[in-house]
Amino acid sequence: MGNVELWAACIGGAAQQERYQQAIQDAGLTITVMKVNPYQFISDSARGATQTYGVKSVSLLATK
């Protein structure tokens, strides 16, 4: 199990960016665009996790 604070913020199942990108590449795709989304979490605990752990939302474009 991961960090309890992140699970309490309902973002505990989120993938680490590096692992997410590697899984996409392991599937035979090439990441051509990556964008950090200007996303703001609503709950206080999620906002705190964002500041403490660097949680962010990203979008990727991957091609075969």
PDB file of N, CA and C in Angstrom:
ATOM      1  N   MET A   1       0.849  -1.184   0.000  1.00  0.00           N
ATOM      2  CA  MET A   1       0.000   0.000   0.000  1.00  0.00           C
ATOM      3  C   MET A   1       0.887   1.237   0.000  1.00  0.00           C
ATOM      4  N   GLY A   2       0.430   2.279  -0.657  1.00  0.00           N
ATOM      5  CA  GLY A   2       1.187   3.513  -0.759  1.00  0.00           C
ATOM      6  C   GLY A   2       0.996   4.410   0.453  1.00  0.00           C
ATOM      7  N   ASN A   3       1.262   5.661   0.277  1.00  0.00           N
ATOM      8  CA  ASN A   3       1.161   6.654   1.333  1.00  0.00           C
ATOM      9  C   ASN A   3      -0.297   6.877   1.724  1.00  0.00           C
ATOM     10  N   VAL A   4      -0.603   6.724   3.015  1.00  0.00           N
ATOM     11  CA  VAL A   4      -1.972   6.849   3.513  1.00  0.00           C
ATOM     12  C   VAL A   4      -2.526   8.251   3.251  1.00  0.00           C
ATOM     13  N   GLU A   5      -1.687   9.268   3.351  1.00  0.00           N
ATOM     14  CA  GLU A   5      -2.138  10.644   3.105  1.00  0.00           C
ATOM     15  C   GLU A   5      -2.633  10.808   1.671  1.00  0.00           C
ATOM     16  N   LEU A   6      -1.945  10.167   0.718  1.00  0.00           N
ATOM     17  CA  LEU A   6      -2.378  10.256  -0.669  1.00  0.00           C
ATOM     18  C   LEU A   6      -3.669   9.486  -0.890  1.00  0.00           C
ATOM     19  N   TRP A   7      -3.814   8.321  -0.248  1.00  0.00           N
ATOM     20  CA  TRP A   7      -5.061   7.561  -0.373  1.00  0.00           C
ATOM     21  C   TRP A   7      -6.212   8.372   0.197  1.00  0.00           C
ATOM     22  N   ALA A   8      -5.993   9.057   1.305  1.00  0.00           N
ATOM     23  CA  ALA A   8      -7.044   9.873   1.910  1.00  0.00           C
ATOM     24  C   ALA A   8      -7.438  11.018   0.990  1.00  0.00           C
ATOM     25  N   ALA A   9      -6.518  11.465   0.167  1.00  0.00           N
ATOM     26  CA  ALA A   9      -6.798  12.553  -0.767  1.00  0.00           C
ATOM     27  C   ALA A   9      -7.417  12.037  -2.060  1.00  0.00           C
ATOM     28  N   CYS A  10      -7.693  10.725  -2.118  1.00  0.00           N
ATOM     29  CA  CYS A  10      -8.318  10.081  -3.292  1.00  0.00           C
ATOM     30  C   CYS A  10      -7.455  10.149  -4.540  1.00  0.00           C
ATOM     31  N   ILE A  11      -6.156  10.247  -4.365  1.00  0.00           N
ATOM     32  CA  ILE A  11      -5.250  10.244  -5.513  1.00  0.00           C
ATOM     33  C   ILE A  11      -4.157   9.208  -5.321  1.00  0.00           C
ATOM     34  N   GLY A  12      -4.364   8.305  -4.361  1.00  0.00           N
ATOM     35  CA  GLY A  12      -3.349   7.314  -4.028  1.00  0.00           C
ATOM     36  C   GLY A  12      -3.104   6.292  -5.113  1.00  0.00           C
ATOM     37  N   GLY A  13      -4.045   6.092  -6.020  1.00  0.00           N
ATOM     38  CA  GLY A  13      -3.852   5.123  -7.087  1.00  0.00           C
ATOM     39  C   GLY A  13      -3.210   5.703  -8.323  1.00  0.00           C
ATOM     40  N   ALA A  14      -2.876   6.964  -8.272  1.00  0.00           N
ATOM     41  CA  ALA A  14      -2.273   7.617  -9.429  1.00  0.00           C
ATOM     42  C   ALA A  14      -0.876   7.069  -9.682  1.00  0.00           C
ATOM     43  N   ALA A  15      -0.531   6.939 -10.936  1.00  0.00           N
ATOM     44  CA  ALA A  15       0.784   6.416 -11.308  1.00  0.00           C
ATOM     45  C   ALA A  15       1.837   7.514 -11.236  1.00  0.00           C
ATOM     46  N   GLN A  16       3.046   7.125 -10.890  1.00  0.00           N
ATOM     47  CA  GLN A  16       4.170   8.046 -10.975  1.00  0.00           C
ATOM     48  C   GLN A  16       4.388   8.356 -12.451  1.00  0.00           C
ATOM     49  N   GLN A  17       4.719   9.589 -12.756  1.00  0.00           N
ATOM     50  CA  GLN A  17       4.841  10.023 -14.143  1.00  0.00           C
ATOM     51  C   GLN A  17       5.827   9.150 -14.920  1.00  0.00           C
ATOM     52  N   GLU A  18       6.964   8.828 -14.329  1.00  0.00           N
ATOM     53  CA  GLU A  18       7.974   8.043 -15.027  1.00  0.00           C
ATOM     54  C   GLU A  18       7.447   6.635 -15.340  1.00  0.00           C
ATOM     55  N   ARG A  19       6.745   6.032 -14.373  1.00  0.00           N
ATOM     56  CA  ARG A  19       6.189   4.691 -14.599  1.00  0.00           C
ATOM     57  C   ARG A  19       5.104   4.717 -15.677  1.00  0.00           C
ATOM     58  N   TYR A  20       4.296   5.757 -15.651  1.00  0.00           N
ATOM     59  CA  TYR A  20       3.223   5.913 -16.637  1.00  0.00           C
ATOM     60  C   TYR A  20       3.814   6.019 -18.048  1.00  0.00           C
ATOM     61  N   GLN A  21       4.822   6.870 -18.185  1.00  0.00           N
ATOM     62  CA  GLN A  21       5.464   7.038 -19.480  1.00  0.00           C
ATOM     63  C   GLN A  21       6.133   5.736 -19.924  1.00  0.00           C
ATOM     64  N   GLN A  22       6.768   5.031 -19.004  1.00  0.00           N
ATOM     65  CA  GLN A  22       7.444   3.780 -19.358  1.00  0.00           C
ATOM     66  C   GLN A  22       6.436   2.732 -19.812  1.00  0.00           C
ATOM     67  N   ALA A  23       5.287   2.660 -19.156  1.00  0.00           N
ATOM     68  CA  ALA A  23       4.255   1.694 -19.550  1.00  0.00           C
ATOM     69  C   ALA A  23       3.762   1.980 -20.968  1.00  0.00           C
ATOM     70  N   ILE A  24       3.630   3.239 -21.308  1.00  0.00           N
ATOM     71  CA  ILE A  24       3.203   3.618 -22.660  1.00  0.00           C
ATOM     72  C   ILE A  24       4.270   3.214 -23.671  1.00  0.00           C
ATOM     73  N   GLN A  25       5.519   3.483 -23.357  1.00  0.00           N
ATOM     74  CA  GLN A  25       6.612   3.112 -24.258  1.00  0.00           C
ATOM     75  C   GLN A  25       6.760   1.595 -24.357  1.00  0.00           C
ATOM     76  N   ASP A  26       6.568   0.893 -23.245  1.00  0.00           N
ATOM     77  CA  ASP A  26       6.646  -0.569 -23.259  1.00  0.00           C
ATOM     78  C   ASP A  26       5.549  -1.181 -24.122  1.00  0.00           C
ATOM     79  N   ALA A  27       4.455  -0.455 -24.308  1.00  0.00           N
ATOM     80  CA  ALA A  27       3.360  -0.920 -25.162  1.00  0.00           C
ATOM     81  C   ALA A  27       3.653  -0.656 -26.641  1.00  0.00           C
ATOM     82  N   GLY A  28       4.833  -0.101 -26.932  1.00  0.00           N
ATOM     83  CA  GLY A  28       5.228   0.132 -28.312  1.00  0.00           C
ATOM     84  C   GLY A  28       4.835   1.489 -28.857  1.00  0.00           C
ATOM     85  N   LEU A  29       4.434   2.394 -27.980  1.00  0.00           N
ATOM     86  CA  LEU A  29       4.036   3.733 -28.413  1.00  0.00           C
ATOM     87  C   LEU A  29       5.169   4.724 -28.174  1.00  0.00           C
ATOM     88  N   THR A  30       5.157   5.797 -28.939  1.00  0.00           N
ATOM     89  CA  THR A  30       6.114   6.879 -28.774  1.00  0.00           C
ATOM     90  C   THR A  30       5.371   8.111 -28.289  1.00  0.00           C
ATOM     91  N   ILE A  31       5.824   8.665 -27.186  1.00  0.00           N
ATOM     92  CA  ILE A  31       5.196   9.874 -26.654  1.00  0.00           C
ATOM     93  C   ILE A  31       5.684  11.051 -27.480  1.00  0.00           C
ATOM     94  N   THR A  32       4.732  11.742 -28.111  1.00  0.00           N
ATOM     95  CA  THR A  32       5.096  12.865 -28.973  1.00  0.00           C
ATOM     96  C   THR A  32       4.797  14.215 -28.341  1.00  0.00           C
ATOM     97  N   VAL A  33       3.852  14.239 -27.398  1.00  0.00           N
ATOM     98  CA  VAL A  33       3.507  15.486 -26.715  1.00  0.00           C
ATOM     99  C   VAL A  33       3.204  15.158 -25.257  1.00  0.00           C
ATOM    100  N   MET A  34       3.709  15.974 -24.344  1.00  0.00           N
ATOM    101  CA  MET A  34       3.337  15.860 -22.943  1.00  0.00           C
ATOM    102  C   MET A  34       3.007  17.256 -22.431  1.00  0.00           C
ATOM    103  N   LYS A  35       1.873  17.357 -21.769  1.00  0.00           N
ATOM    104  CA  LYS A  35       1.413  18.652 -21.267  1.00  0.00           C
ATOM    105  C   LYS A  35       1.024  18.500 -19.807  1.00  0.00           C
ATOM    106  N   VAL A  36       1.505  19.405 -18.957  1.00  0.00           N
ATOM    107  CA  VAL A  36       1.061  19.457 -17.569  1.00  0.00           C
ATOM    108  C   VAL A  36      -0.208  20.295 -17.550  1.00  0.00           C
ATOM    109  N   ASN A  37      -1.282  19.697 -17.082  1.00  0.00           N
ATOM    110  CA  ASN A  37      -2.580  20.371 -17.076  1.00  0.00           C
ATOM    111  C   ASN A  37      -2.690  21.353 -15.920  1.00  0.00           C
ATOM    112  N   PRO A  38      -3.315  22.485 -16.153  1.00  0.00           N
ATOM    113  CA  PRO A  38      -3.511  23.469 -15.082  1.00  0.00           C
ATOM    114  C   PRO A  38      -4.675  23.033 -14.178  1.00  0.00           C
ATOM    115  N   TYR A  39      -4.511  21.884 -13.554  1.00  0.00           N
ATOM    116  CA  TYR A  39      -5.569  21.266 -12.763  1.00  0.00           C
ATOM    117  C   TYR A  39      -5.406  21.639 -11.302  1.00  0.00           C
ATOM    118  N   GLN A  40      -6.508  21.969 -10.654  1.00  0.00           N
ATOM    119  CA  GLN A  40      -6.464  22.255  -9.227  1.00  0.00           C
ATOM    120  C   GLN A  40      -7.394  21.296  -8.506  1.00  0.00           C
ATOM    121  N   PHE A  41      -6.855  20.627  -7.495  1.00  0.00           N
ATOM    122  CA  PHE A  41      -7.652  19.709  -6.717  1.00  0.00           C
ATOM    123  C   PHE A  41      -8.611  20.488  -5.823  1.00  0.00           C
ATOM    124  N   ILE A  42      -9.763  19.905  -5.555  1.00  0.00           N
ATOM    125  CA  ILE A  42     -10.798  20.581  -4.786  1.00  0.00           C
ATOM    126  C   ILE A  42     -10.614  20.411  -3.287  1.00  0.00           C
ATOM    127  N   SER A  43     -10.366  19.195  -2.837  1.00  0.00           N
ATOM    128  CA  SER A  43     -10.311  18.950  -1.394  1.00  0.00           C
ATOM    129  C   SER A  43      -9.011  19.481  -0.790  1.00  0.00           C
ATOM    130  N   ASP A  44      -9.093  19.852   0.475  1.00  0.00           N
ATOM    131  CA  ASP A  44      -7.913  20.347   1.184  1.00  0.00           C
ATOM    132  C   ASP A  44      -6.816  19.294   1.236  1.00  0.00           C
ATOM    133  N   SER A  45      -7.208  18.025   1.460  1.00  0.00           N
ATOM    134  CA  SER A  45      -6.190  16.978   1.563  1.00  0.00           C
ATOM    135  C   SER A  45      -5.495  16.750   0.223  1.00  0.00           C
ATOM    136  N   ALA A  46      -6.230  16.829  -0.870  1.00  0.00           N
ATOM    137  CA  ALA A  46      -5.614  16.662  -2.195  1.00  0.00           C
ATOM    138  C   ALA A  46      -4.709  17.842  -2.520  1.00  0.00           C
ATOM    139  N   ARG A  47      -5.136  19.048  -2.176  1.00  0.00           N
ATOM    140  CA  ARG A  47      -4.275  20.218  -2.404  1.00  0.00           C
ATOM    141  C   ARG A  47      -2.993  20.094  -1.590  1.00  0.00           C
ATOM    142  N   GLY A  48      -3.117  19.611  -0.361  1.00  0.00           N
ATOM    143  CA  GLY A  48      -1.932  19.428   0.475  1.00  0.00           C
ATOM    144  C   GLY A  48      -0.989  18.398  -0.118  1.00  0.00           C
ATOM    145  N   ALA A  49      -1.545  17.305  -0.649  1.00  0.00           N
ATOM    146  CA  ALA A  49      -0.717  16.275  -1.269  1.00  0.00           C
ATOM    147  C   ALA A  49      -0.022  16.820  -2.507  1.00  0.00           C
ATOM    148  N   THR A  50      -0.706  17.688  -3.231  1.00  0.00           N
ATOM    149  CA  THR A  50      -0.111  18.303  -4.415  1.00  0.00           C
ATOM    150  C   THR A  50       1.136  19.088  -4.027  1.00  0.00           C
ATOM    151  N   GLN A  51       1.020  19.858  -2.967  1.00  0.00           N
ATOM    152  CA  GLN A  51       2.155  20.669  -2.532  1.00  0.00           C
ATOM    153  C   GLN A  51       3.261  19.811  -1.918  1.00  0.00           C
ATOM    154  N   THR A  52       2.870  18.825  -1.120  1.00  0.00           N
ATOM    155  CA  THR A  52       3.852  18.004  -0.424  1.00  0.00           C
ATOM    156  C   THR A  52       4.561  17.025  -1.349  1.00  0.00           C
ATOM    157  N   TYR A  53       3.802  16.372  -2.237  1.00  0.00           N
ATOM    158  CA  TYR A  53       4.355  15.282  -3.035  1.00  0.00           C
ATOM    159  C   TYR A  53       4.511  15.602  -4.516  1.00  0.00           C
ATOM    160  N   GLY A  54       4.138  16.798  -4.925  1.00  0.00           N
ATOM    161  CA  GLY A  54       4.295  17.162  -6.326  1.00  0.00           C
ATOM    162  C   GLY A  54       3.285  16.507  -7.253  1.00  0.00           C
ATOM    163  N   VAL A  55       2.123  16.144  -6.723  1.00  0.00           N
ATOM    164  CA  VAL A  55       1.088  15.518  -7.537  1.00  0.00           C
ATOM    165  C   VAL A  55       0.637  16.504  -8.609  1.00  0.00           C
ATOM    166  N   LYS A  56       0.482  15.994  -9.835  1.00  0.00           N
ATOM    167  CA  LYS A  56       0.030  16.857 -10.933  1.00  0.00           C
ATOM    168  C   LYS A  56      -0.747  16.024 -11.933  1.00  0.00           C
ATOM    169  N   SER A  57      -1.425  16.701 -12.815  1.00  0.00           N
ATOM    170  CA  SER A  57      -2.178  16.057 -13.875  1.00  0.00           C
ATOM    171  C   SER A  57      -1.440  16.305 -15.191  1.00  0.00           C
ATOM    172  N   VAL A  58      -1.198  15.235 -15.941  1.00  0.00           N
ATOM    173  CA  VAL A  58      -0.553  15.375 -17.240  1.00  0.00           C
ATOM    174  C   VAL A  58      -1.382  14.704 -18.319  1.00  0.00           C
ATOM    175  N   SER A  59      -1.273  15.215 -19.529  1.00  0.00           N
ATOM    176  CA  SER A  59      -1.879  14.597 -20.702  1.00  0.00           C
ATOM    177  C   SER A  59      -0.748  14.269 -21.675  1.00  0.00           C
ATOM    178  N   LEU A  60      -0.862  13.099 -22.279  1.00  0.00           N
ATOM    179  CA  LEU A  60       0.149  12.667 -23.239  1.00  0.00           C
ATOM    180  C   LEU A  60      -0.500  12.324 -24.578  1.00  0.00           C
ATOM    181  N   LEU A  61       0.224  12.601 -25.644  1.00  0.00           N
ATOM    182  CA  LEU A  61      -0.161  12.124 -26.964  1.00  0.00           C
ATOM    183  C   LEU A  61       0.909  11.106 -27.352  1.00  0.00           C
ATOM    184  N   ALA A  62       0.459   9.885 -27.622  1.00  0.00           N
ATOM    185  CA  ALA A  62       1.398   8.829 -27.994  1.00  0.00           C
ATOM    186  C   ALA A  62       0.935   8.210 -29.310  1.00  0.00           C
ATOM    187  N   THR A  63       1.898   7.897 -30.143  1.00  0.00           N
ATOM    188  CA  THR A  63       1.591   7.327 -31.454  1.00  0.00           C
ATOM    189  C   THR A  63       2.336   6.006 -31.621  1.00  0.00           C
ATOM    190  N   LYS A  64       1.789   5.174 -32.500  1.00  0.00           N
ATOM    191  CA  LYS A  64       2.402   3.866 -32.786  1.00  0.00           C
ATOM    192  C   LYS A  64       3.327   3.974 -33.966  1.00  0.00           C
TER     193      LYS A  64
END
